[in-house]
Amino acid sequence: MAELTPATVQTIWTITLAVFVVVLVVVAILLTLILRTAKDITGGVSAIWNVGQRIANNTIHIALLFKTNAVAGAILGSAVGVVNATAGVHAHAKECPGCPACVIGPEWLR
């Protein structure tokens, strides 16, 4: 095996250090790109999370609409009964010459 001269050792070290610097620069650039992409992903996830929370806040009350519909149906049924009773009173008042005395009743009941 040939003997290494100090100039050869210095050349090998210089080449090794140059390769190390190039690799270091490439790794730094790639890590910077990864960090930038991670920040973009975090921003997108945050936006999706916010929209999801708004949707949840807007749809949480949908379950209560079933009870609201049932109560509204009961109110409608009561309203129909009131309309029918009012129509009956109106029809009676048209035909009865003694109204409202007949509705109030005899004098002794008052």
PDB file of N, CA and C in Angstrom:
ATOM      1  N   MET A   1       0.818  -1.159   0.000  1.00  0.00           N
ATOM      2  CA  MET A   1       0.000   0.000   0.000  1.00  0.00           C
ATOM      3  C   MET A   1       0.878   1.243   0.000  1.00  0.00           C
ATOM      4  N   ALA A   2       0.411   2.215  -0.776  1.00  0.00           N
ATOM      5  CA  ALA A   2       1.196   3.440  -0.916  1.00  0.00           C
ATOM      6  C   ALA A   2       1.037   4.301   0.320  1.00  0.00           C
ATOM      7  N   GLU A   3       2.052   5.029   0.622  1.00  0.00           N
ATOM      8  CA  GLU A   3       2.039   5.873   1.789  1.00  0.00           C
ATOM      9  C   GLU A   3       1.337   7.179   1.455  1.00  0.00           C
ATOM     10  N   LEU A   4       0.523   7.681   2.446  1.00  0.00           N
ATOM     11  CA  LEU A   4      -0.221   8.917   2.235  1.00  0.00           C
ATOM     12  C   LEU A   4       0.649  10.101   2.608  1.00  0.00           C
ATOM     13  N   THR A   5       0.623  11.055   1.736  1.00  0.00           N
ATOM     14  CA  THR A   5       1.379  12.269   2.010  1.00  0.00           C
ATOM     15  C   THR A   5       0.481  13.254   2.740  1.00  0.00           C
ATOM     16  N   PRO A   6       1.067  14.205   3.417  1.00  0.00           N
ATOM     17  CA  PRO A   6       0.225  15.199   4.092  1.00  0.00           C
ATOM     18  C   PRO A   6      -0.678  15.953   3.124  1.00  0.00           C
ATOM     19  N   ALA A   7      -0.274  16.181   1.919  1.00  0.00           N
ATOM     20  CA  ALA A   7      -1.104  16.876   0.925  1.00  0.00           C
ATOM     21  C   ALA A   7      -2.312  16.019   0.561  1.00  0.00           C
ATOM     22  N   THR A   8      -2.141  14.693   0.455  1.00  0.00           N
ATOM     23  CA  THR A   8      -3.247  13.792   0.131  1.00  0.00           C
ATOM     24  C   THR A   8      -4.254  13.766   1.276  1.00  0.00           C
ATOM     25  N   VAL A   9      -3.762  13.715   2.492  1.00  0.00           N
ATOM     26  CA  VAL A   9      -4.647  13.723   3.663  1.00  0.00           C
ATOM     27  C   VAL A   9      -5.437  15.027   3.715  1.00  0.00           C
ATOM     28  N   GLN A  10      -4.777  16.140   3.428  1.00  0.00           N
ATOM     29  CA  GLN A  10      -5.460  17.430   3.435  1.00  0.00           C
ATOM     30  C   GLN A  10      -6.509  17.479   2.338  1.00  0.00           C
ATOM     31  N   THR A  11      -6.237  16.929   1.170  1.00  0.00           N
ATOM     32  CA  THR A  11      -7.197  16.905   0.060  1.00  0.00           C
ATOM     33  C   THR A  11      -8.406  16.058   0.424  1.00  0.00           C
ATOM     34  N   ILE A  12      -8.197  14.913   1.043  1.00  0.00           N
ATOM     35  CA  ILE A  12      -9.305  14.035   1.455  1.00  0.00           C
ATOM     36  C   ILE A  12     -10.182  14.745   2.495  1.00  0.00           C
ATOM     37  N   TRP A  13      -9.529  15.420   3.473  1.00  0.00           N
ATOM     38  CA  TRP A  13     -10.273  16.160   4.478  1.00  0.00           C
ATOM     39  C   TRP A  13     -11.069  17.309   3.850  1.00  0.00           C
ATOM     40  N   THR A  14     -10.494  17.986   2.915  1.00  0.00           N
ATOM     41  CA  THR A  14     -11.178  19.101   2.254  1.00  0.00           C
ATOM     42  C   THR A  14     -12.391  18.593   1.483  1.00  0.00           C
ATOM     43  N   ILE A  15     -12.226  17.505   0.769  1.00  0.00           N
ATOM     44  CA  ILE A  15     -13.346  16.921   0.000  1.00  0.00           C
ATOM     45  C   ILE A  15     -14.431  16.441   0.957  1.00  0.00           C
ATOM     46  N   THR A  16     -14.005  15.796   2.050  1.00  0.00           N
ATOM     47  CA  THR A  16     -14.974  15.303   3.031  1.00  0.00           C
ATOM     48  C   THR A  16     -15.759  16.454   3.655  1.00  0.00           C
ATOM     49  N   LEU A  17     -15.061  17.517   4.026  1.00  0.00           N
ATOM     50  CA  LEU A  17     -15.745  18.671   4.604  1.00  0.00           C
ATOM     51  C   LEU A  17     -16.677  19.347   3.596  1.00  0.00           C
ATOM     52  N   ALA A  18     -16.296  19.416   2.338  1.00  0.00           N
ATOM     53  CA  ALA A  18     -17.143  20.010   1.298  1.00  0.00           C
ATOM     54  C   ALA A  18     -18.409  19.179   1.120  1.00  0.00           C
ATOM     55  N   VAL A  19     -18.267  17.850   1.097  1.00  0.00           N
ATOM     56  CA  VAL A  19     -19.437  16.970   0.969  1.00  0.00           C
ATOM     57  C   VAL A  19     -20.344  17.151   2.192  1.00  0.00           C
ATOM     58  N   PHE A  20     -19.718  17.241   3.384  1.00  0.00           N
ATOM     59  CA  PHE A  20     -20.493  17.447   4.613  1.00  0.00           C
ATOM     60  C   PHE A  20     -21.284  18.753   4.552  1.00  0.00           C
ATOM     61  N   VAL A  21     -20.683  19.823   4.086  1.00  0.00           N
ATOM     62  CA  VAL A  21     -21.363  21.116   3.990  1.00  0.00           C
ATOM     63  C   VAL A  21     -22.513  21.044   2.994  1.00  0.00           C
ATOM     64  N   VAL A  22     -22.298  20.391   1.862  1.00  0.00           N
ATOM     65  CA  VAL A  22     -23.365  20.250   0.856  1.00  0.00           C
ATOM     66  C   VAL A  22     -24.521  19.447   1.438  1.00  0.00           C
ATOM     67  N   VAL A  23     -24.222  18.339   2.110  1.00  0.00           N
ATOM     68  CA  VAL A  23     -25.265  17.514   2.713  1.00  0.00           C
ATOM     69  C   VAL A  23     -25.995  18.316   3.796  1.00  0.00           C
ATOM     70  N   LEU A  24     -25.247  19.067   4.589  1.00  0.00           N
ATOM     71  CA  LEU A  24     -25.843  19.874   5.647  1.00  0.00           C
ATOM     72  C   LEU A  24     -26.794  20.933   5.079  1.00  0.00           C
ATOM     73  N   VAL A  25     -26.412  21.579   3.992  1.00  0.00           N
ATOM     74  CA  VAL A  25     -27.274  22.577   3.358  1.00  0.00           C
ATOM     75  C   VAL A  25     -28.539  21.927   2.806  1.00  0.00           C
ATOM     76  N   VAL A  26     -28.390  20.775   2.169  1.00  0.00           N
ATOM     77  CA  VAL A  26     -29.557  20.070   1.614  1.00  0.00           C
ATOM     78  C   VAL A  26     -30.507  19.652   2.742  1.00  0.00           C
ATOM     79  N   VAL A  27     -29.966  19.127   3.831  1.00  0.00           N
ATOM     80  CA  VAL A  27     -30.804  18.720   4.961  1.00  0.00           C
ATOM     81  C   VAL A  27     -31.504  19.927   5.568  1.00  0.00           C
ATOM     82  N   ALA A  28     -30.814  21.045   5.699  1.00  0.00           N
ATOM     83  CA  ALA A  28     -31.428  22.258   6.241  1.00  0.00           C
ATOM     84  C   ALA A  28     -32.573  22.736   5.351  1.00  0.00           C
ATOM     85  N   ILE A  29     -32.386  22.696   4.047  1.00  0.00           N
ATOM     86  CA  ILE A  29     -33.437  23.109   3.112  1.00  0.00           C
ATOM     87  C   ILE A  29     -34.641  22.171   3.219  1.00  0.00           C
ATOM     88  N   LEU A  30     -34.370  20.868   3.267  1.00  0.00           N
ATOM     89  CA  LEU A  30     -35.477  19.907   3.368  1.00  0.00           C
ATOM     90  C   LEU A  30     -36.229  20.061   4.695  1.00  0.00           C
ATOM     91  N   LEU A  31     -35.531  20.280   5.786  1.00  0.00           N
ATOM     92  CA  LEU A  31     -36.195  20.479   7.068  1.00  0.00           C
ATOM     93  C   LEU A  31     -37.029  21.765   7.068  1.00  0.00           C
ATOM     94  N   THR A  32     -36.533  22.794   6.430  1.00  0.00           N
ATOM     95  CA  THR A  32     -37.298  24.041   6.320  1.00  0.00           C
ATOM     96  C   THR A  32     -38.577  23.812   5.527  1.00  0.00           C
ATOM     97  N   LEU A  33     -38.479  23.056   4.442  1.00  0.00           N
ATOM     98  CA  LEU A  33     -39.680  22.743   3.650  1.00  0.00           C
ATOM     99  C   LEU A  33     -40.666  21.913   4.461  1.00  0.00           C
ATOM    100  N   ILE A  34     -40.170  20.970   5.246  1.00  0.00           N
ATOM    101  CA  ILE A  34     -41.051  20.147   6.076  1.00  0.00           C
ATOM    102  C   ILE A  34     -41.760  21.010   7.118  1.00  0.00           C
ATOM    103  N   LEU A  35     -41.025  21.917   7.757  1.00  0.00           N
ATOM    104  CA  LEU A  35     -41.644  22.798   8.751  1.00  0.00           C
ATOM    105  C   LEU A  35     -42.699  23.700   8.126  1.00  0.00           C
ATOM    106  N   ARG A  36     -42.415  24.234   6.949  1.00  0.00           N
ATOM    107  CA  ARG A  36     -43.381  25.092   6.267  1.00  0.00           C
ATOM    108  C   ARG A  36     -44.648  24.304   5.909  1.00  0.00           C
ATOM    109  N   THR A  37     -44.468  23.080   5.430  1.00  0.00           N
ATOM    110  CA  THR A  37     -45.615  22.240   5.089  1.00  0.00           C
ATOM    111  C   THR A  37     -46.410  21.881   6.345  1.00  0.00           C
ATOM    112  N   ALA A  38     -45.719  21.597   7.439  1.00  0.00           N
ATOM    113  CA  ALA A  38     -46.405  21.280   8.692  1.00  0.00           C
ATOM    114  C   ALA A  38     -47.236  22.467   9.175  1.00  0.00           C
ATOM    115  N   LYS A  39     -46.703  23.688   9.044  1.00  0.00           N
ATOM    116  CA  LYS A  39     -47.472  24.876   9.435  1.00  0.00           C
ATOM    117  C   LYS A  39     -48.700  25.044   8.549  1.00  0.00           C
ATOM    118  N   ASP A  40     -48.551  24.770   7.253  1.00  0.00           N
ATOM    119  CA  ASP A  40     -49.707  24.854   6.348  1.00  0.00           C
ATOM    120  C   ASP A  40     -50.767  23.836   6.734  1.00  0.00           C
ATOM    121  N   ILE A  41     -50.325  22.625   7.056  1.00  0.00           N
ATOM    122  CA  ILE A  41     -51.266  21.573   7.453  1.00  0.00           C
ATOM    123  C   ILE A  41     -51.966  21.970   8.746  1.00  0.00           C
ATOM    124  N   THR A  42     -51.216  22.515   9.691  1.00  0.00           N
ATOM    125  CA  THR A  42     -51.811  22.941  10.960  1.00  0.00           C
ATOM    126  C   THR A  42     -52.849  24.033  10.719  1.00  0.00           C
ATOM    127  N   GLY A  43     -52.558  24.963   9.840  1.00  0.00           N
ATOM    128  CA  GLY A  43     -53.532  26.007   9.512  1.00  0.00           C
ATOM    129  C   GLY A  43     -54.792  25.432   8.891  1.00  0.00           C
ATOM    130  N   GLY A  44     -54.629  24.467   7.982  1.00  0.00           N
ATOM    131  CA  GLY A  44     -55.792  23.831   7.359  1.00  0.00           C
ATOM    132  C   GLY A  44     -56.620  23.052   8.360  1.00  0.00           C
ATOM    133  N   VAL A  45     -55.949  22.326   9.237  1.00  0.00           N
ATOM    134  CA  VAL A  45     -56.658  21.556  10.259  1.00  0.00           C
ATOM    135  C   VAL A  45     -57.402  22.494  11.201  1.00  0.00           C
ATOM    136  N   SER A  46     -56.790  23.612  11.546  1.00  0.00           N
ATOM    137  CA  SER A  46     -57.442  24.589  12.420  1.00  0.00           C
ATOM    138  C   SER A  46     -58.700  25.151  11.753  1.00  0.00           C
ATOM    139  N   ALA A  47     -58.607  25.447  10.471  1.00  0.00           N
ATOM    140  CA  ALA A  47     -59.781  25.963   9.748  1.00  0.00           C
ATOM    141  C   ALA A  47     -60.893  24.919   9.705  1.00  0.00           C
ATOM    142  N   ILE A  48     -60.524  23.671   9.446  1.00  0.00           N
ATOM    143  CA  ILE A  48     -61.521  22.592   9.414  1.00  0.00           C
ATOM    144  C   ILE A  48     -62.159  22.422  10.790  1.00  0.00           C
ATOM    145  N   TRP A  49     -61.357  22.489  11.837  1.00  0.00           N
ATOM    146  CA  TRP A  49     -61.866  22.362  13.203  1.00  0.00           C
ATOM    147  C   TRP A  49     -62.859  23.471  13.518  1.00  0.00           C
ATOM    148  N   ASN A  50     -62.532  24.700  13.148  1.00  0.00           N
ATOM    149  CA  ASN A  50     -63.434  25.823  13.411  1.00  0.00           C
ATOM    150  C   ASN A  50     -64.756  25.666  12.671  1.00  0.00           C
ATOM    151  N   VAL A  51     -64.684  25.263  11.412  1.00  0.00           N
ATOM    152  CA  VAL A  51     -65.918  25.063  10.635  1.00  0.00           C
ATOM    153  C   VAL A  51     -66.731  23.920  11.236  1.00  0.00           C
ATOM    154  N   GLY A  52     -66.047  22.862  11.646  1.00  0.00           N
ATOM    155  CA  GLY A  52     -66.750  21.737  12.278  1.00  0.00           C
ATOM    156  C   GLY A  52     -67.460  22.150  13.560  1.00  0.00           C
ATOM    157  N   GLN A  53     -66.823  22.988  14.348  1.00  0.00           N
ATOM    158  CA  GLN A  53     -67.466  23.460  15.572  1.00  0.00           C
ATOM    159  C   GLN A  53     -68.675  24.341  15.255  1.00  0.00           C
ATOM    160  N   ARG A  54     -68.564  25.168  14.236  1.00  0.00           N
ATOM    161  CA  ARG A  54     -69.717  26.001  13.852  1.00  0.00           C
ATOM    162  C   ARG A  54     -70.874  25.134  13.377  1.00  0.00           C
ATOM    163  N   ILE A  55     -70.563  24.113  12.596  1.00  0.00           N
ATOM    164  CA  ILE A  55     -71.620  23.204  12.129  1.00  0.00           C
ATOM    165  C   ILE A  55     -72.260  22.503  13.316  1.00  0.00           C
ATOM    166  N   ALA A  56     -71.438  22.032  14.247  1.00  0.00           N
ATOM    167  CA  ALA A  56     -71.977  21.359  15.432  1.00  0.00           C
ATOM    168  C   ALA A  56     -72.865  22.306  16.235  1.00  0.00           C
ATOM    169  N   ASN A  57     -72.437  23.547  16.390  1.00  0.00           N
ATOM    170  CA  ASN A  57     -73.254  24.516  17.122  1.00  0.00           C
ATOM    171  C   ASN A  57     -74.572  24.795  16.421  1.00  0.00           C
ATOM    172  N   ASN A  58     -74.562  24.759  15.092  1.00  0.00           N
ATOM    173  CA  ASN A  58     -75.791  25.035  14.340  1.00  0.00           C
ATOM    174  C   ASN A  58     -76.724  23.837  14.288  1.00  0.00           C
ATOM    175  N   THR A  59     -76.190  22.641  14.449  1.00  0.00           N
ATOM    176  CA  THR A  59     -77.031  21.448  14.301  1.00  0.00           C
ATOM    177  C   THR A  59     -77.357  20.780  15.619  1.00  0.00           C
ATOM    178  N   ILE A  60     -76.839  21.294  16.728  1.00  0.00           N
ATOM    179  CA  ILE A  60     -77.076  20.639  18.018  1.00  0.00           C
ATOM    180  C   ILE A  60     -78.546  20.698  18.421  1.00  0.00           C
ATOM    181  N   HIS A  61     -79.260  21.687  17.942  1.00  0.00           N
ATOM    182  CA  HIS A  61     -80.649  21.871  18.340  1.00  0.00           C
ATOM    183  C   HIS A  61     -81.634  21.127  17.436  1.00  0.00           C
ATOM    184  N   ILE A  62     -81.137  20.422  16.454  1.00  0.00           N
ATOM    185  CA  ILE A  62     -82.040  19.685  15.551  1.00  0.00           C
ATOM    186  C   ILE A  62     -82.824  18.632  16.313  1.00  0.00           C
ATOM    187  N   ALA A  63     -82.198  18.006  17.301  1.00  0.00           N
ATOM    188  CA  ALA A  63     -82.899  16.987  18.087  1.00  0.00           C
ATOM    189  C   ALA A  63     -84.094  17.587  18.823  1.00  0.00           C
ATOM    190  N   LEU A  64     -83.993  18.844  19.206  1.00  0.00           N
ATOM    191  CA  LEU A  64     -85.105  19.495  19.908  1.00  0.00           C
ATOM    192  C   LEU A  64     -86.270  19.810  18.977  1.00  0.00           C
ATOM    193  N   LEU A  65     -86.018  19.804  17.674  1.00  0.00           N
ATOM    194  CA  LEU A  65     -87.096  20.107  16.727  1.00  0.00           C
ATOM    195  C   LEU A  65     -88.200  19.055  16.759  1.00  0.00           C
ATOM    196  N   PHE A  66     -87.867  17.811  17.116  1.00  0.00           N
ATOM    197  CA  PHE A  66     -88.902  16.777  17.204  1.00  0.00           C
ATOM    198  C   PHE A  66     -89.914  17.139  18.287  1.00  0.00           C
ATOM    199  N   LYS A  67     -89.416  17.585  19.448  1.00  0.00           N
ATOM    200  CA  LYS A  67     -90.321  17.996  20.515  1.00  0.00           C
ATOM    201  C   LYS A  67     -91.077  19.253  20.105  1.00  0.00           C
ATOM    202  N   THR A  68     -90.398  20.174  19.446  1.00  0.00           N
ATOM    203  CA  THR A  68     -91.051  21.399  18.983  1.00  0.00           C
ATOM    204  C   THR A  68     -92.179  21.067  18.016  1.00  0.00           C
ATOM    205  N   ASN A  69     -91.933  20.126  17.114  1.00  0.00           N
ATOM    206  CA  ASN A  69     -92.977  19.723  16.161  1.00  0.00           C
ATOM    207  C   ASN A  69     -94.166  19.095  16.878  1.00  0.00           C
ATOM    208  N   ALA A  70     -93.906  18.284  17.908  1.00  0.00           N
ATOM    209  CA  ALA A  70     -95.000  17.658  18.657  1.00  0.00           C
ATOM    210  C   ALA A  70     -95.823  18.719  19.385  1.00  0.00           C
ATOM    211  N   VAL A  71     -95.143  19.669  20.024  1.00  0.00           N
ATOM    212  CA  VAL A  71     -95.851  20.743  20.735  1.00  0.00           C
ATOM    213  C   VAL A  71     -96.623  21.604  19.747  1.00  0.00           C
ATOM    214  N   ALA A  72     -96.023  21.905  18.609  1.00  0.00           N
ATOM    215  CA  ALA A  72     -96.721  22.703  17.591  1.00  0.00           C
ATOM    216  C   ALA A  72     -97.954  21.962  17.083  1.00  0.00           C
ATOM    217  N   GLY A  73     -97.856  20.650  16.935  1.00  0.00           N
ATOM    218  CA  GLY A  73     -99.024  19.860  16.520  1.00  0.00           C
ATOM    219  C   GLY A  73    -100.131  19.926  17.556  1.00  0.00           C
ATOM    220  N   ALA A  74     -99.751  19.863  18.835  1.00  0.00           N
ATOM    221  CA  ALA A  74    -100.755  19.970  19.900  1.00  0.00           C
ATOM    222  C   ALA A  74    -101.388  21.358  19.905  1.00  0.00           C
ATOM    223  N   ILE A  75    -100.576  22.376  19.707  1.00  0.00           N
ATOM    224  CA  ILE A  75    -101.104  23.746  19.644  1.00  0.00           C
ATOM    225  C   ILE A  75    -102.063  23.890  18.460  1.00  0.00           C
ATOM    226  N   LEU A  76    -101.699  23.294  17.336  1.00  0.00           N
ATOM    227  CA  LEU A  76    -102.573  23.348  16.164  1.00  0.00           C
ATOM    228  C   LEU A  76    -103.899  22.664  16.452  1.00  0.00           C
ATOM    229  N   GLY A  77    -103.830  21.506  17.120  1.00  0.00           N
ATOM    230  CA  GLY A  77    -105.068  20.817  17.478  1.00  0.00           C
ATOM    231  C   GLY A  77    -105.941  21.672  18.391  1.00  0.00           C
ATOM    232  N   SER A  78    -105.321  22.330  19.365  1.00  0.00           N
ATOM    233  CA  SER A  78    -106.068  23.223  20.259  1.00  0.00           C
ATOM    234  C   SER A  78    -106.645  24.400  19.487  1.00  0.00           C
ATOM    235  N   ALA A  79    -105.861  24.949  18.576  1.00  0.00           N
ATOM    236  CA  ALA A  79    -106.327  26.088  17.782  1.00  0.00           C
ATOM    237  C   ALA A  79    -107.519  25.693  16.924  1.00  0.00           C
ATOM    238  N   VAL A  80    -107.482  24.503  16.368  1.00  0.00           N
ATOM    239  CA  VAL A  80    -108.623  24.032  15.558  1.00  0.00           C
ATOM    240  C   VAL A  80    -109.852  23.917  16.444  1.00  0.00           C
ATOM    241  N   GLY A  81    -109.662  23.415  17.672  1.00  0.00           N
ATOM    242  CA  GLY A  81    -110.795  23.324  18.603  1.00  0.00           C
ATOM    243  C   GLY A  81    -111.348  24.691  18.944  1.00  0.00           C
ATOM    244  N   VAL A  82    -110.467  25.672  19.161  1.00  0.00           N
ATOM    245  CA  VAL A  82    -110.921  27.034  19.464  1.00  0.00           C
ATOM    246  C   VAL A  82    -111.671  27.618  18.271  1.00  0.00           C
ATOM    247  N   VAL A  83    -111.157  27.407  17.071  1.00  0.00           N
ATOM    248  CA  VAL A  83    -111.830  27.918  15.866  1.00  0.00           C
ATOM    249  C   VAL A  83    -113.205  27.282  15.724  1.00  0.00           C
ATOM    250  N   ASN A  84    -113.294  25.987  15.956  1.00  0.00           N
ATOM    251  CA  ASN A  84    -114.592  25.312  15.839  1.00  0.00           C
ATOM    252  C   ASN A  84    -115.574  25.812  16.896  1.00  0.00           C
ATOM    253  N   ALA A  85    -115.097  25.992  18.139  1.00  0.00           N
ATOM    254  CA  ALA A  85    -115.972  26.494  19.201  1.00  0.00           C
ATOM    255  C   ALA A  85    -116.426  27.918  18.889  1.00  0.00           C
ATOM    256  N   THR A  86    -115.502  28.737  18.399  1.00  0.00           N
ATOM    257  CA  THR A  86    -115.853  30.114  18.046  1.00  0.00           C
ATOM    258  C   THR A  86    -116.860  30.129  16.902  1.00  0.00           C
ATOM    259  N   ALA A  87    -116.694  29.244  15.949  1.00  0.00           N
ATOM    260  CA  ALA A  87    -117.658  29.167  14.845  1.00  0.00           C
ATOM    261  C   ALA A  87    -119.027  28.743  15.359  1.00  0.00           C
ATOM    262  N   GLY A  88    -119.026  27.826  16.340  1.00  0.00           N
ATOM    263  CA  GLY A  88    -120.310  27.407  16.923  1.00  0.00           C
ATOM    264  C   GLY A  88    -120.986  28.550  17.659  1.00  0.00           C
ATOM    265  N   VAL A  89    -120.220  29.316  18.423  1.00  0.00           N
ATOM    266  CA  VAL A  89    -120.783  30.465  19.134  1.00  0.00           C
ATOM    267  C   VAL A  89    -121.294  31.499  18.136  1.00  0.00           C
ATOM    268  N   HIS A  90    -120.552  31.724  17.087  1.00  0.00           N
ATOM    269  CA  HIS A  90    -120.973  32.680  16.065  1.00  0.00           C
ATOM    270  C   HIS A  90    -122.261  32.229  15.390  1.00  0.00           C
ATOM    271  N   ALA A  91    -122.333  30.958  15.057  1.00  0.00           N
ATOM    272  CA  ALA A  91    -123.551  30.443  14.416  1.00  0.00           C
ATOM    273  C   ALA A  91    -124.732  30.548  15.370  1.00  0.00           C
ATOM    274  N   HIS A  92    -124.526  30.253  16.646  1.00  0.00           N
ATOM    275  CA  HIS A  92    -125.607  30.356  17.626  1.00  0.00           C
ATOM    276  C   HIS A  92    -126.067  31.806  17.775  1.00  0.00           C
ATOM    277  N   ALA A  93    -125.107  32.735  17.807  1.00  0.00           N
ATOM    278  CA  ALA A  93    -125.448  34.149  17.974  1.00  0.00           C
ATOM    279  C   ALA A  93    -126.252  34.666  16.792  1.00  0.00           C
ATOM    280  N   LYS A  94    -126.005  34.138  15.597  1.00  0.00           N
ATOM    281  CA  LYS A  94    -126.768  34.571  14.422  1.00  0.00           C
ATOM    282  C   LYS A  94    -128.204  34.098  14.491  1.00  0.00           C
ATOM    283  N   GLU A  95    -128.430  32.900  15.028  1.00  0.00           N
ATOM    284  CA  GLU A  95    -129.755  32.301  15.023  1.00  0.00           C
ATOM    285  C   GLU A  95    -130.564  32.619  16.280  1.00  0.00           C
ATOM    286  N   CYS A  96    -129.922  33.003  17.365  1.00  0.00           N
ATOM    287  CA  CYS A  96    -130.616  33.194  18.641  1.00  0.00           C
ATOM    288  C   CYS A  96    -130.895  34.680  18.862  1.00  0.00           C
ATOM    289  N   PRO A  97    -132.179  35.059  18.946  1.00  0.00           N
ATOM    290  CA  PRO A  97    -132.494  36.465  19.165  1.00  0.00           C
ATOM    291  C   PRO A  97    -132.222  36.901  20.609  1.00  0.00           C
ATOM    292  N   GLY A  98    -132.114  35.987  21.548  1.00  0.00           N
ATOM    293  CA  GLY A  98    -131.932  36.342  22.946  1.00  0.00           C
ATOM    294  C   GLY A  98    -130.476  36.419  23.375  1.00  0.00           C
ATOM    295  N   CYS A  99    -129.554  36.199  22.498  1.00  0.00           N
ATOM    296  CA  CYS A  99    -128.136  36.241  22.863  1.00  0.00           C
ATOM    297  C   CYS A  99    -127.760  37.662  23.204  1.00  0.00           C
ATOM    298  N   PRO A 100    -126.942  37.892  24.102  1.00  0.00           N
ATOM    299  CA  PRO A 100    -126.134  36.980  24.918  1.00  0.00           C
ATOM    300  C   PRO A 100    -126.811  36.508  26.188  1.00  0.00           C
ATOM    301  N   ALA A 101    -128.094  36.860  26.400  1.00  0.00           N
ATOM    302  CA  ALA A 101    -128.767  36.470  27.636  1.00  0.00           C
ATOM    303  C   ALA A 101    -128.873  34.958  27.765  1.00  0.00           C
ATOM    304  N   CYS A 102    -129.091  34.261  26.670  1.00  0.00           N
ATOM    305  CA  CYS A 102    -129.218  32.808  26.751  1.00  0.00           C
ATOM    306  C   CYS A 102    -127.880  32.154  27.067  1.00  0.00           C
ATOM    307  N   VAL A 103    -126.794  32.799  26.671  1.00  0.00           N
ATOM    308  CA  VAL A 103    -125.475  32.248  26.958  1.00  0.00           C
ATOM    309  C   VAL A 103    -125.122  32.495  28.422  1.00  0.00           C
ATOM    310  N   ILE A 104    -125.459  33.669  28.930  1.00  0.00           N
ATOM    311  CA  ILE A 104    -125.142  34.000  30.311  1.00  0.00           C
ATOM    312  C   ILE A 104    -126.029  33.208  31.255  1.00  0.00           C
ATOM    313  N   GLY A 105    -127.271  32.979  30.873  1.00  0.00           N
ATOM    314  CA  GLY A 105    -128.178  32.185  31.676  1.00  0.00           C
ATOM    315  C   GLY A 105    -129.229  33.038  32.365  1.00  0.00           C
ATOM    316  N   PRO A 106    -130.092  32.374  33.091  1.00  0.00           N
ATOM    317  CA  PRO A 106    -131.170  33.120  33.788  1.00  0.00           C
ATOM    318  C   PRO A 106    -130.585  34.057  34.831  1.00  0.00           C
ATOM    319  N   GLU A 107    -131.418  34.974  35.197  1.00  0.00           N
ATOM    320  CA  GLU A 107    -131.004  36.015  36.137  1.00  0.00           C
ATOM    321  C   GLU A 107    -130.605  35.417  37.487  1.00  0.00           C
ATOM    322  N   TRP A 108    -131.278  34.386  37.931  1.00  0.00           N
ATOM    323  CA  TRP A 108    -131.018  33.816  39.254  1.00  0.00           C
ATOM    324  C   TRP A 108    -129.691  33.061  39.304  1.00  0.00           C
ATOM    325  N   LEU A 109    -129.075  32.727  38.138  1.00  0.00           N
ATOM    326  CA  LEU A 109    -127.774  32.020  38.142  1.00  0.00           C
ATOM    327  C   LEU A 109    -126.600  32.979  38.278  1.00  0.00           C
ATOM    328  N   ARG A 110    -126.855  34.247  38.048  1.00  0.00           N
ATOM    329  CA  ARG A 110    -125.757  35.202  38.089  1.00  0.00           C
ATOM    330  C   ARG A 110    -125.367  35.570  39.453  1.00  0.00           C
TER     331      ARG A 110
END
